[in-house]
Amino acid sequence: KLSNSQISSIPLTMKRQSRAATELISDGDTLFIDAGTTTMHILGLLPAERHVTIITGNLHIISQSFSKPNAEIIVLPGTVNRRTNSVADISTMEFLGRYHIAKAFMATTGLSQDGKVNVRSYLEYEIKRLAMQQSEQHYLLCDSGKYGASALMSYSEVSEMDAVITDSACSTELYALCENAGTKVIIGQ
């Protein structure tokens, strides 16, 4: 479990979004937790008694797992990427493709105004697309500052997400985009 000082050092919007994500996690779930600045806080805020299996290449999740004895962590193989604080390479996709995932908690570089969920690199694109394919439910953690931003590639559309977990500064345009796509908006409280 994160200490009080560690929890207080998490930016409030990220903490609220991550906490909202943990409320969607049930005992026995198999999860994919993507590499990202908000997703990395999910495990630290998950109640210690929750029994889950987490598939991830997110180095923060891996390091937090030592204080979560009820969380089984399946670590994706790969080379360390310091920009994303994760591990990934071509072998990651073969390994990830073996698993059936109940819930995927996805990150993004930006969510464009036309509903495209974006990333910066081809490898990120491939891994995120595969995680989406292997998952039953999809949750995008996307703070309001990422709305309207585009990047090199789009790995998904907002319509493929069960919900977008965002912050209280969420614009009416983002609400409308999600509503038109049939995607729920969850505001981290």
N, C-alpha and C. Protein backbone atom coordinates (compact mmCIF):
# COMPACT_ATOMS: atom_id res chain seq x y z
N LYS A 1 0.85 -1.18 0.00
CA LYS A 1 0.00 0.00 0.00
C LYS A 1 0.89 1.24 0.00
N LEU A 2 0.44 2.27 -0.72
CA LEU A 2 1.19 3.52 -0.71
C LEU A 2 1.07 4.17 0.66
N SER A 3 2.15 4.77 1.11
CA SER A 3 2.11 5.50 2.38
C SER A 3 1.32 6.79 2.18
N ASN A 4 0.92 7.41 3.28
CA ASN A 4 0.18 8.67 3.19
C ASN A 4 0.98 9.74 2.47
N SER A 5 2.29 9.80 2.68
CA SER A 5 3.11 10.80 2.00
C SER A 5 3.20 10.51 0.51
N GLN A 6 3.24 9.22 0.13
CA GLN A 6 3.26 8.87 -1.30
C GLN A 6 1.92 9.22 -1.94
N ILE A 7 0.82 8.92 -1.27
CA ILE A 7 -0.50 9.24 -1.81
C ILE A 7 -0.67 10.75 -1.93
N SER A 8 -0.22 11.50 -0.94
CA SER A 8 -0.38 12.96 -1.00
C SER A 8 0.48 13.59 -2.08
N SER A 9 1.52 12.88 -2.54
CA SER A 9 2.37 13.44 -3.59
C SER A 9 1.81 13.19 -5.00
N ILE A 10 0.78 12.35 -5.12
CA ILE A 10 0.15 12.12 -6.42
C ILE A 10 -0.72 13.34 -6.74
N PRO A 11 -0.57 13.92 -7.94
CA PRO A 11 -1.45 15.05 -8.29
C PRO A 11 -2.92 14.65 -8.10
N LEU A 12 -3.71 15.57 -7.57
CA LEU A 12 -5.08 15.29 -7.17
C LEU A 12 -5.92 14.72 -8.31
N THR A 13 -5.80 15.27 -9.52
CA THR A 13 -6.62 14.76 -10.62
C THR A 13 -6.25 13.32 -10.95
N MET A 14 -4.97 12.99 -10.92
CA MET A 14 -4.54 11.62 -11.19
C MET A 14 -5.03 10.68 -10.10
N LYS A 15 -4.94 11.12 -8.85
CA LYS A 15 -5.38 10.31 -7.72
C LYS A 15 -6.88 10.02 -7.85
N ARG A 16 -7.65 11.03 -8.20
CA ARG A 16 -9.10 10.85 -8.33
C ARG A 16 -9.45 9.91 -9.47
N GLN A 17 -8.76 10.05 -10.60
CA GLN A 17 -9.03 9.16 -11.73
C GLN A 17 -8.64 7.72 -11.39
N SER A 18 -7.48 7.55 -10.78
CA SER A 18 -7.02 6.21 -10.41
C SER A 18 -7.95 5.57 -9.38
N ARG A 19 -8.40 6.36 -8.43
CA ARG A 19 -9.33 5.85 -7.42
C ARG A 19 -10.65 5.42 -8.08
N ALA A 20 -11.13 6.21 -9.05
CA ALA A 20 -12.35 5.85 -9.78
C ALA A 20 -12.14 4.53 -10.54
N ALA A 21 -10.95 4.34 -11.08
CA ALA A 21 -10.64 3.09 -11.78
C ALA A 21 -10.69 1.91 -10.81
N THR A 22 -10.17 2.07 -9.60
CA THR A 22 -10.16 0.96 -8.64
C THR A 22 -11.57 0.54 -8.25
N GLU A 23 -12.52 1.46 -8.33
CA GLU A 23 -13.91 1.13 -7.99
C GLU A 23 -14.55 0.22 -9.03
N LEU A 24 -13.93 0.10 -10.19
CA LEU A 24 -14.43 -0.77 -11.25
C LEU A 24 -13.83 -2.18 -11.19
N ILE A 25 -12.91 -2.38 -10.25
CA ILE A 25 -12.19 -3.65 -10.15
C ILE A 25 -12.84 -4.53 -9.09
N SER A 26 -13.14 -5.77 -9.49
CA SER A 26 -13.77 -6.74 -8.59
C SER A 26 -12.78 -7.83 -8.21
N ASP A 27 -13.06 -8.49 -7.10
CA ASP A 27 -12.26 -9.64 -6.69
C ASP A 27 -12.24 -10.67 -7.82
N GLY A 28 -11.07 -11.20 -8.10
CA GLY A 28 -10.92 -12.22 -9.12
C GLY A 28 -10.69 -11.72 -10.53
N ASP A 29 -10.74 -10.41 -10.74
CA ASP A 29 -10.54 -9.85 -12.08
C ASP A 29 -9.12 -10.09 -12.59
N THR A 30 -9.02 -10.28 -13.89
CA THR A 30 -7.74 -10.25 -14.58
C THR A 30 -7.70 -8.93 -15.32
N LEU A 31 -6.66 -8.14 -15.05
CA LEU A 31 -6.58 -6.77 -15.55
C LEU A 31 -5.36 -6.57 -16.42
N PHE A 32 -5.48 -5.67 -17.38
CA PHE A 32 -4.33 -5.12 -18.07
C PHE A 32 -4.23 -3.68 -17.60
N ILE A 33 -3.08 -3.31 -17.05
CA ILE A 33 -2.86 -1.91 -16.67
C ILE A 33 -1.75 -1.39 -17.55
N ASP A 34 -2.12 -0.44 -18.38
CA ASP A 34 -1.25 0.16 -19.38
C ASP A 34 -0.19 1.05 -18.71
N ALA A 35 0.86 1.33 -19.47
CA ALA A 35 1.87 2.29 -19.02
C ALA A 35 1.32 3.70 -19.20
N GLY A 36 1.36 4.49 -18.14
CA GLY A 36 0.86 5.86 -18.22
C GLY A 36 1.02 6.58 -16.90
N THR A 37 0.97 7.89 -16.95
CA THR A 37 1.18 8.71 -15.75
C THR A 37 0.01 8.63 -14.77
N THR A 38 -1.17 8.28 -15.23
CA THR A 38 -2.31 8.11 -14.33
C THR A 38 -2.51 6.64 -13.98
N THR A 39 -2.42 5.76 -14.97
CA THR A 39 -2.63 4.33 -14.72
C THR A 39 -1.64 3.77 -13.71
N MET A 40 -0.46 4.38 -13.62
CA MET A 40 0.56 3.85 -12.71
C MET A 40 0.16 3.94 -11.24
N HIS A 41 -0.87 4.68 -10.91
CA HIS A 41 -1.30 4.83 -9.52
C HIS A 41 -2.41 3.87 -9.12
N ILE A 42 -2.96 3.12 -10.08
CA ILE A 42 -4.11 2.26 -9.80
C ILE A 42 -3.81 1.24 -8.70
N LEU A 43 -2.74 0.47 -8.82
CA LEU A 43 -2.47 -0.57 -7.85
C LEU A 43 -2.23 -0.01 -6.45
N GLY A 44 -1.54 1.10 -6.36
CA GLY A 44 -1.27 1.70 -5.05
C GLY A 44 -2.53 2.12 -4.32
N LEU A 45 -3.59 2.43 -5.07
CA LEU A 45 -4.85 2.87 -4.46
C LEU A 45 -5.88 1.75 -4.34
N LEU A 46 -5.55 0.57 -4.87
CA LEU A 46 -6.45 -0.58 -4.79
C LEU A 46 -6.44 -1.13 -3.37
N PRO A 47 -7.61 -1.42 -2.80
CA PRO A 47 -7.64 -1.99 -1.46
C PRO A 47 -6.80 -3.28 -1.39
N ALA A 48 -6.02 -3.41 -0.33
CA ALA A 48 -5.07 -4.52 -0.19
C ALA A 48 -5.75 -5.88 -0.18
N GLU A 49 -6.99 -5.95 0.25
CA GLU A 49 -7.68 -7.24 0.34
C GLU A 49 -8.21 -7.73 -1.01
N ARG A 50 -8.18 -6.90 -2.03
CA ARG A 50 -8.69 -7.28 -3.36
C ARG A 50 -7.75 -8.28 -4.02
N HIS A 51 -8.28 -9.43 -4.44
CA HIS A 51 -7.52 -10.46 -5.14
C HIS A 51 -7.67 -10.24 -6.64
N VAL A 52 -6.59 -9.91 -7.32
CA VAL A 52 -6.61 -9.66 -8.76
C VAL A 52 -5.35 -10.22 -9.40
N THR A 53 -5.45 -10.41 -10.71
CA THR A 53 -4.28 -10.74 -11.51
C THR A 53 -4.08 -9.57 -12.46
N ILE A 54 -2.86 -9.03 -12.47
CA ILE A 54 -2.56 -7.86 -13.30
C ILE A 54 -1.49 -8.23 -14.30
N ILE A 55 -1.78 -7.94 -15.56
CA ILE A 55 -0.81 -8.09 -16.64
C ILE A 55 -0.35 -6.69 -16.99
N THR A 56 0.97 -6.47 -16.94
CA THR A 56 1.47 -5.11 -17.17
C THR A 56 2.95 -5.11 -17.55
N GLY A 57 3.33 -4.04 -18.20
CA GLY A 57 4.73 -3.72 -18.42
C GLY A 57 5.07 -2.40 -17.73
N ASN A 58 4.13 -1.90 -16.93
CA ASN A 58 4.25 -0.63 -16.22
C ASN A 58 5.17 -0.82 -15.01
N LEU A 59 6.34 -0.20 -15.03
CA LEU A 59 7.33 -0.41 -13.97
C LEU A 59 6.85 0.07 -12.61
N HIS A 60 6.02 1.10 -12.56
CA HIS A 60 5.47 1.56 -11.27
C HIS A 60 4.55 0.50 -10.67
N ILE A 61 3.72 -0.11 -11.50
CA ILE A 61 2.83 -1.16 -11.01
C ILE A 61 3.65 -2.32 -10.47
N ILE A 62 4.67 -2.70 -11.20
CA ILE A 62 5.53 -3.82 -10.78
C ILE A 62 6.16 -3.51 -9.42
N SER A 63 6.70 -2.30 -9.25
CA SER A 63 7.35 -1.96 -7.97
C SER A 63 6.34 -1.86 -6.83
N GLN A 64 5.11 -1.45 -7.10
CA GLN A 64 4.09 -1.35 -6.05
C GLN A 64 3.56 -2.72 -5.64
N SER A 65 3.76 -3.72 -6.49
CA SER A 65 3.17 -5.03 -6.24
C SER A 65 3.73 -5.71 -4.98
N PHE A 66 4.91 -5.33 -4.55
CA PHE A 66 5.52 -5.96 -3.38
C PHE A 66 4.71 -5.71 -2.12
N SER A 67 3.96 -4.63 -2.09
CA SER A 67 3.14 -4.34 -0.91
C SER A 67 1.68 -4.77 -1.09
N LYS A 68 1.41 -5.51 -2.15
CA LYS A 68 0.04 -5.99 -2.43
C LYS A 68 0.06 -7.52 -2.57
N PRO A 69 0.08 -8.25 -1.45
CA PRO A 69 0.22 -9.71 -1.51
C PRO A 69 -0.93 -10.42 -2.22
N ASN A 70 -2.08 -9.79 -2.35
CA ASN A 70 -3.23 -10.42 -3.02
C ASN A 70 -3.28 -10.13 -4.51
N ALA A 71 -2.31 -9.39 -5.01
CA ALA A 71 -2.25 -9.08 -6.44
C ALA A 71 -1.17 -9.94 -7.08
N GLU A 72 -1.59 -10.79 -7.99
CA GLU A 72 -0.64 -11.57 -8.78
C GLU A 72 -0.25 -10.71 -9.98
N ILE A 73 1.04 -10.55 -10.19
CA ILE A 73 1.52 -9.69 -11.26
C ILE A 73 2.18 -10.53 -12.34
N ILE A 74 1.69 -10.40 -13.56
CA ILE A 74 2.30 -11.03 -14.72
C ILE A 74 3.02 -9.92 -15.46
N VAL A 75 4.34 -10.02 -15.52
CA VAL A 75 5.16 -8.95 -16.09
C VAL A 75 5.42 -9.24 -17.55
N LEU A 76 5.05 -8.29 -18.39
CA LEU A 76 5.31 -8.41 -19.82
C LEU A 76 6.81 -8.30 -20.08
N PRO A 77 7.32 -9.04 -21.05
CA PRO A 77 8.75 -8.96 -21.37
C PRO A 77 9.05 -7.73 -22.24
N GLY A 78 10.29 -7.34 -22.23
CA GLY A 78 10.70 -6.25 -23.11
C GLY A 78 11.88 -5.49 -22.59
N THR A 79 12.20 -4.45 -23.32
CA THR A 79 13.30 -3.55 -23.01
C THR A 79 12.73 -2.32 -22.30
N VAL A 80 13.46 -1.79 -21.33
CA VAL A 80 12.98 -0.63 -20.58
C VAL A 80 12.92 0.60 -21.49
N ASN A 81 11.75 1.25 -21.44
CA ASN A 81 11.54 2.52 -22.14
C ASN A 81 11.41 3.58 -21.05
N ARG A 82 12.42 4.42 -20.91
CA ARG A 82 12.42 5.41 -19.83
C ARG A 82 11.36 6.50 -20.02
N ARG A 83 10.99 6.78 -21.26
CA ARG A 83 9.97 7.79 -21.52
C ARG A 83 8.61 7.36 -20.98
N THR A 84 8.26 6.08 -21.19
CA THR A 84 6.96 5.59 -20.74
C THR A 84 7.03 4.84 -19.41
N ASN A 85 8.24 4.67 -18.88
CA ASN A 85 8.44 3.96 -17.62
C ASN A 85 7.83 2.56 -17.68
N SER A 86 8.16 1.87 -18.79
CA SER A 86 7.59 0.56 -19.01
C SER A 86 8.60 -0.33 -19.74
N VAL A 87 8.22 -1.59 -19.90
CA VAL A 87 9.00 -2.50 -20.71
C VAL A 87 8.16 -2.93 -21.90
N ALA A 88 8.80 -3.00 -23.06
CA ALA A 88 8.09 -3.43 -24.27
C ALA A 88 9.09 -3.65 -25.39
N ASP A 89 8.80 -4.63 -26.20
CA ASP A 89 9.47 -4.83 -27.47
C ASP A 89 8.60 -5.80 -28.27
N ILE A 90 9.10 -6.33 -29.35
CA ILE A 90 8.29 -7.19 -30.21
C ILE A 90 7.81 -8.44 -29.47
N SER A 91 8.59 -8.95 -28.51
CA SER A 91 8.18 -10.15 -27.77
C SER A 91 6.98 -9.88 -26.86
N THR A 92 6.75 -8.64 -26.51
CA THR A 92 5.63 -8.28 -25.64
C THR A 92 4.30 -8.70 -26.26
N MET A 93 4.18 -8.51 -27.57
CA MET A 93 2.92 -8.81 -28.24
C MET A 93 2.62 -10.31 -28.24
N GLU A 94 3.62 -11.13 -28.50
CA GLU A 94 3.41 -12.57 -28.49
C GLU A 94 2.97 -13.02 -27.09
N PHE A 95 3.63 -12.52 -26.07
CA PHE A 95 3.33 -12.87 -24.68
C PHE A 95 1.92 -12.40 -24.31
N LEU A 96 1.59 -11.15 -24.59
CA LEU A 96 0.29 -10.58 -24.24
C LEU A 96 -0.84 -11.30 -24.96
N GLY A 97 -0.59 -11.74 -26.18
CA GLY A 97 -1.62 -12.42 -26.96
C GLY A 97 -2.08 -13.75 -26.38
N ARG A 98 -1.41 -14.26 -25.39
CA ARG A 98 -1.78 -15.54 -24.75
C ARG A 98 -2.88 -15.39 -23.71
N TYR A 99 -3.16 -14.17 -23.28
CA TYR A 99 -4.03 -13.95 -22.12
C TYR A 99 -5.41 -13.44 -22.49
N HIS A 100 -6.37 -13.87 -21.69
CA HIS A 100 -7.74 -13.34 -21.76
C HIS A 100 -7.88 -12.37 -20.59
N ILE A 101 -8.31 -11.17 -20.87
CA ILE A 101 -8.33 -10.08 -19.88
C ILE A 101 -9.76 -9.61 -19.66
N ALA A 102 -10.15 -9.47 -18.41
CA ALA A 102 -11.50 -8.98 -18.11
C ALA A 102 -11.60 -7.47 -18.35
N LYS A 103 -10.64 -6.71 -17.79
CA LYS A 103 -10.73 -5.25 -17.85
C LYS A 103 -9.37 -4.66 -18.19
N ALA A 104 -9.36 -3.76 -19.17
CA ALA A 104 -8.12 -3.07 -19.55
C ALA A 104 -8.25 -1.60 -19.15
N PHE A 105 -7.24 -1.13 -18.45
CA PHE A 105 -7.17 0.29 -18.06
C PHE A 105 -6.10 0.92 -18.93
N MET A 106 -6.55 1.72 -19.89
CA MET A 106 -5.71 2.21 -20.96
C MET A 106 -5.30 3.67 -20.75
N ALA A 107 -4.13 3.99 -21.26
CA ALA A 107 -3.60 5.36 -21.22
C ALA A 107 -3.58 5.92 -22.64
N THR A 108 -3.34 7.21 -22.74
CA THR A 108 -3.28 7.86 -24.05
C THR A 108 -2.38 9.09 -24.00
N THR A 109 -1.82 9.41 -25.15
CA THR A 109 -1.08 10.66 -25.30
C THR A 109 -2.07 11.81 -25.50
N GLY A 110 -3.16 11.50 -26.17
CA GLY A 110 -4.18 12.50 -26.44
C GLY A 110 -5.43 11.87 -27.02
N LEU A 111 -6.54 12.56 -26.84
CA LEU A 111 -7.82 12.14 -27.39
C LEU A 111 -8.26 13.24 -28.35
N SER A 112 -8.21 12.95 -29.63
CA SER A 112 -8.52 13.98 -30.62
C SER A 112 -10.02 14.29 -30.64
N GLN A 113 -10.36 15.42 -31.19
CA GLN A 113 -11.75 15.88 -31.19
C GLN A 113 -12.67 14.98 -31.99
N ASP A 114 -12.10 14.17 -32.88
CA ASP A 114 -12.93 13.22 -33.64
C ASP A 114 -13.04 11.86 -32.95
N GLY A 115 -12.54 11.75 -31.71
CA GLY A 115 -12.70 10.54 -30.92
C GLY A 115 -11.60 9.52 -31.06
N LYS A 116 -10.51 9.87 -31.69
CA LYS A 116 -9.39 8.94 -31.84
C LYS A 116 -8.50 8.99 -30.60
N VAL A 117 -8.13 7.80 -30.11
CA VAL A 117 -7.28 7.66 -28.93
C VAL A 117 -5.86 7.45 -29.43
N ASN A 118 -4.96 8.36 -29.07
CA ASN A 118 -3.66 8.47 -29.72
C ASN A 118 -2.47 8.05 -28.87
N VAL A 119 -1.39 7.66 -29.58
CA VAL A 119 -0.11 7.31 -28.96
C VAL A 119 1.02 7.88 -29.81
N ARG A 120 2.24 7.83 -29.24
CA ARG A 120 3.40 8.43 -29.89
C ARG A 120 4.21 7.51 -30.78
N SER A 121 4.09 6.19 -30.59
CA SER A 121 4.98 5.29 -31.33
C SER A 121 4.25 4.06 -31.86
N TYR A 122 4.85 3.44 -32.86
CA TYR A 122 4.27 2.26 -33.48
C TYR A 122 4.19 1.10 -32.48
N LEU A 123 5.22 0.89 -31.68
CA LEU A 123 5.20 -0.19 -30.70
C LEU A 123 4.08 0.00 -29.68
N GLU A 124 3.90 1.20 -29.17
CA GLU A 124 2.81 1.48 -28.25
C GLU A 124 1.46 1.18 -28.92
N TYR A 125 1.34 1.59 -30.17
CA TYR A 125 0.12 1.36 -30.96
C TYR A 125 -0.21 -0.12 -31.00
N GLU A 126 0.77 -0.95 -31.36
CA GLU A 126 0.55 -2.39 -31.49
C GLU A 126 0.18 -3.04 -30.16
N ILE A 127 0.88 -2.68 -29.11
CA ILE A 127 0.62 -3.28 -27.79
C ILE A 127 -0.76 -2.87 -27.28
N LYS A 128 -1.10 -1.61 -27.41
CA LYS A 128 -2.40 -1.13 -26.93
C LYS A 128 -3.55 -1.76 -27.74
N ARG A 129 -3.39 -1.87 -29.05
CA ARG A 129 -4.43 -2.51 -29.88
C ARG A 129 -4.63 -3.96 -29.46
N LEU A 130 -3.54 -4.67 -29.22
CA LEU A 130 -3.64 -6.07 -28.80
C LEU A 130 -4.30 -6.18 -27.42
N ALA A 131 -3.93 -5.30 -26.50
CA ALA A 131 -4.55 -5.31 -25.17
C ALA A 131 -6.07 -5.09 -25.28
N MET A 132 -6.46 -4.21 -26.17
CA MET A 132 -7.89 -3.97 -26.40
C MET A 132 -8.57 -5.22 -26.96
N GLN A 133 -7.94 -5.89 -27.90
CA GLN A 133 -8.50 -7.10 -28.51
C GLN A 133 -8.66 -8.22 -27.50
N GLN A 134 -7.73 -8.32 -26.57
CA GLN A 134 -7.73 -9.41 -25.60
C GLN A 134 -8.64 -9.14 -24.41
N SER A 135 -9.23 -7.95 -24.33
CA SER A 135 -10.00 -7.53 -23.16
C SER A 135 -11.50 -7.46 -23.44
N GLU A 136 -12.27 -7.79 -22.41
CA GLU A 136 -13.73 -7.70 -22.50
C GLU A 136 -14.22 -6.27 -22.30
N GLN A 137 -13.63 -5.56 -21.34
CA GLN A 137 -14.05 -4.20 -21.03
C GLN A 137 -12.84 -3.28 -21.14
N HIS A 138 -13.11 -2.04 -21.57
CA HIS A 138 -12.03 -1.09 -21.83
C HIS A 138 -12.32 0.24 -21.15
N TYR A 139 -11.36 0.72 -20.37
CA TYR A 139 -11.50 1.98 -19.65
C TYR A 139 -10.32 2.87 -20.00
N LEU A 140 -10.60 4.07 -20.46
CA LEU A 140 -9.56 5.03 -20.83
C LEU A 140 -9.41 6.06 -19.72
N LEU A 141 -8.22 6.14 -19.15
CA LEU A 141 -7.92 7.19 -18.18
C LEU A 141 -7.32 8.35 -18.97
N CYS A 142 -8.03 9.45 -19.00
CA CYS A 142 -7.65 10.58 -19.85
C CYS A 142 -8.01 11.88 -19.16
N ASP A 143 -7.00 12.58 -18.65
CA ASP A 143 -7.31 13.85 -18.00
C ASP A 143 -7.76 14.86 -19.04
N SER A 144 -8.51 15.84 -18.60
CA SER A 144 -9.13 16.82 -19.50
C SER A 144 -8.12 17.56 -20.37
N GLY A 145 -6.89 17.70 -19.91
CA GLY A 145 -5.86 18.39 -20.68
C GLY A 145 -5.43 17.64 -21.93
N LYS A 146 -5.75 16.35 -22.00
CA LYS A 146 -5.38 15.55 -23.17
C LYS A 146 -6.44 15.60 -24.27
N TYR A 147 -7.63 16.12 -23.94
CA TYR A 147 -8.68 16.21 -24.95
C TYR A 147 -8.30 17.27 -25.99
N GLY A 148 -8.43 16.89 -27.25
CA GLY A 148 -8.10 17.79 -28.35
C GLY A 148 -6.68 17.61 -28.85
N ALA A 149 -5.90 16.77 -28.18
CA ALA A 149 -4.51 16.55 -28.58
C ALA A 149 -4.42 15.34 -29.50
N SER A 150 -3.61 15.48 -30.53
CA SER A 150 -3.38 14.34 -31.42
C SER A 150 -1.93 13.90 -31.28
N ALA A 151 -1.64 12.73 -31.84
CA ALA A 151 -0.28 12.19 -31.80
C ALA A 151 -0.07 11.39 -33.07
N LEU A 152 1.03 10.69 -33.13
CA LEU A 152 1.45 9.98 -34.34
C LEU A 152 0.42 8.97 -34.85
N MET A 153 -0.15 8.16 -33.94
CA MET A 153 -1.05 7.09 -34.35
C MET A 153 -2.24 6.98 -33.41
N SER A 154 -3.35 6.44 -33.94
CA SER A 154 -4.55 6.20 -33.14
C SER A 154 -4.73 4.70 -32.96
N TYR A 155 -4.76 4.24 -31.72
CA TYR A 155 -4.91 2.81 -31.47
C TYR A 155 -6.35 2.39 -31.22
N SER A 156 -7.24 3.35 -31.02
CA SER A 156 -8.63 3.04 -30.71
C SER A 156 -9.48 4.27 -30.99
N GLU A 157 -10.76 4.09 -30.78
CA GLU A 157 -11.72 5.19 -30.84
C GLU A 157 -12.46 5.23 -29.52
N VAL A 158 -12.94 6.39 -29.16
CA VAL A 158 -13.66 6.52 -27.88
C VAL A 158 -14.87 5.60 -27.86
N SER A 159 -15.46 5.30 -29.00
CA SER A 159 -16.63 4.41 -29.07
C SER A 159 -16.29 2.98 -28.66
N GLU A 160 -15.02 2.58 -28.66
CA GLU A 160 -14.61 1.24 -28.24
C GLU A 160 -14.40 1.15 -26.73
N MET A 161 -14.48 2.26 -26.04
CA MET A 161 -14.28 2.29 -24.60
C MET A 161 -15.62 2.13 -23.88
N ASP A 162 -15.61 1.38 -22.79
CA ASP A 162 -16.81 1.28 -21.97
C ASP A 162 -17.01 2.58 -21.19
N ALA A 163 -15.89 3.20 -20.82
CA ALA A 163 -15.96 4.47 -20.11
C ALA A 163 -14.65 5.23 -20.29
N VAL A 164 -14.77 6.54 -20.22
CA VAL A 164 -13.61 7.43 -20.15
C VAL A 164 -13.59 7.97 -18.73
N ILE A 165 -12.49 7.74 -18.04
CA ILE A 165 -12.33 8.23 -16.67
C ILE A 165 -11.49 9.50 -16.76
N THR A 166 -12.09 10.61 -16.35
CA THR A 166 -11.43 11.91 -16.51
C THR A 166 -11.58 12.73 -15.24
N ASP A 167 -11.30 14.01 -15.33
CA ASP A 167 -11.35 14.88 -14.15
C ASP A 167 -12.49 15.90 -14.26
N SER A 168 -12.67 16.67 -13.21
CA SER A 168 -13.79 17.60 -13.13
C SER A 168 -13.70 18.76 -14.13
N ALA A 169 -12.55 18.95 -14.75
CA ALA A 169 -12.41 20.01 -15.76
C ALA A 169 -12.82 19.51 -17.15
N CYS A 170 -13.45 18.36 -17.21
CA CYS A 170 -13.91 17.77 -18.47
C CYS A 170 -14.80 18.76 -19.21
N SER A 171 -14.49 18.99 -20.48
CA SER A 171 -15.24 19.96 -21.27
C SER A 171 -16.58 19.40 -21.75
N THR A 172 -17.49 20.29 -22.09
CA THR A 172 -18.78 19.86 -22.64
C THR A 172 -18.57 19.14 -23.97
N GLU A 173 -17.51 19.50 -24.70
CA GLU A 173 -17.22 18.83 -25.97
C GLU A 173 -16.85 17.37 -25.74
N LEU A 174 -16.05 17.09 -24.70
CA LEU A 174 -15.68 15.71 -24.41
C LEU A 174 -16.90 14.92 -23.96
N TYR A 175 -17.75 15.53 -23.12
CA TYR A 175 -18.99 14.87 -22.73
C TYR A 175 -19.82 14.50 -23.96
N ALA A 176 -19.98 15.47 -24.86
CA ALA A 176 -20.79 15.25 -26.07
C ALA A 176 -20.19 14.16 -26.95
N LEU A 177 -18.87 14.17 -27.10
CA LEU A 177 -18.19 13.16 -27.90
C LEU A 177 -18.49 11.76 -27.33
N CYS A 178 -18.35 11.61 -26.03
CA CYS A 178 -18.59 10.32 -25.39
C CYS A 178 -20.06 9.93 -25.48
N GLU A 179 -20.94 10.86 -25.24
CA GLU A 179 -22.38 10.57 -25.31
C GLU A 179 -22.77 10.10 -26.70
N ASN A 180 -22.28 10.78 -27.72
CA ASN A 180 -22.57 10.40 -29.11
C ASN A 180 -22.00 9.03 -29.46
N ALA A 181 -20.91 8.65 -28.79
CA ALA A 181 -20.25 7.36 -29.06
C ALA A 181 -20.83 6.24 -28.20
N GLY A 182 -21.72 6.57 -27.26
CA GLY A 182 -22.27 5.57 -26.36
C GLY A 182 -21.30 5.15 -25.27
N THR A 183 -20.38 6.03 -24.94
CA THR A 183 -19.34 5.76 -23.94
C THR A 183 -19.65 6.56 -22.67
N LYS A 184 -19.63 5.88 -21.56
CA LYS A 184 -19.88 6.52 -20.26
C LYS A 184 -18.71 7.43 -19.89
N VAL A 185 -18.99 8.53 -19.21
CA VAL A 185 -17.95 9.41 -18.67
C VAL A 185 -17.98 9.26 -17.16
N ILE A 186 -16.83 8.96 -16.58
CA ILE A 186 -16.70 8.86 -15.12
C ILE A 186 -15.75 9.97 -14.67
N ILE A 187 -16.23 10.80 -13.78
CA ILE A 187 -15.41 11.89 -13.23
C ILE A 187 -14.81 11.40 -11.92
N GLY A 188 -13.48 11.39 -11.85
CA GLY A 188 -12.80 10.99 -10.63
C GLY A 188 -13.10 11.97 -9.51
N GLN A 189 -13.59 11.46 -8.40
CA GLN A 189 -13.96 12.31 -7.26
C GLN A 189 -12.94 12.24 -6.16
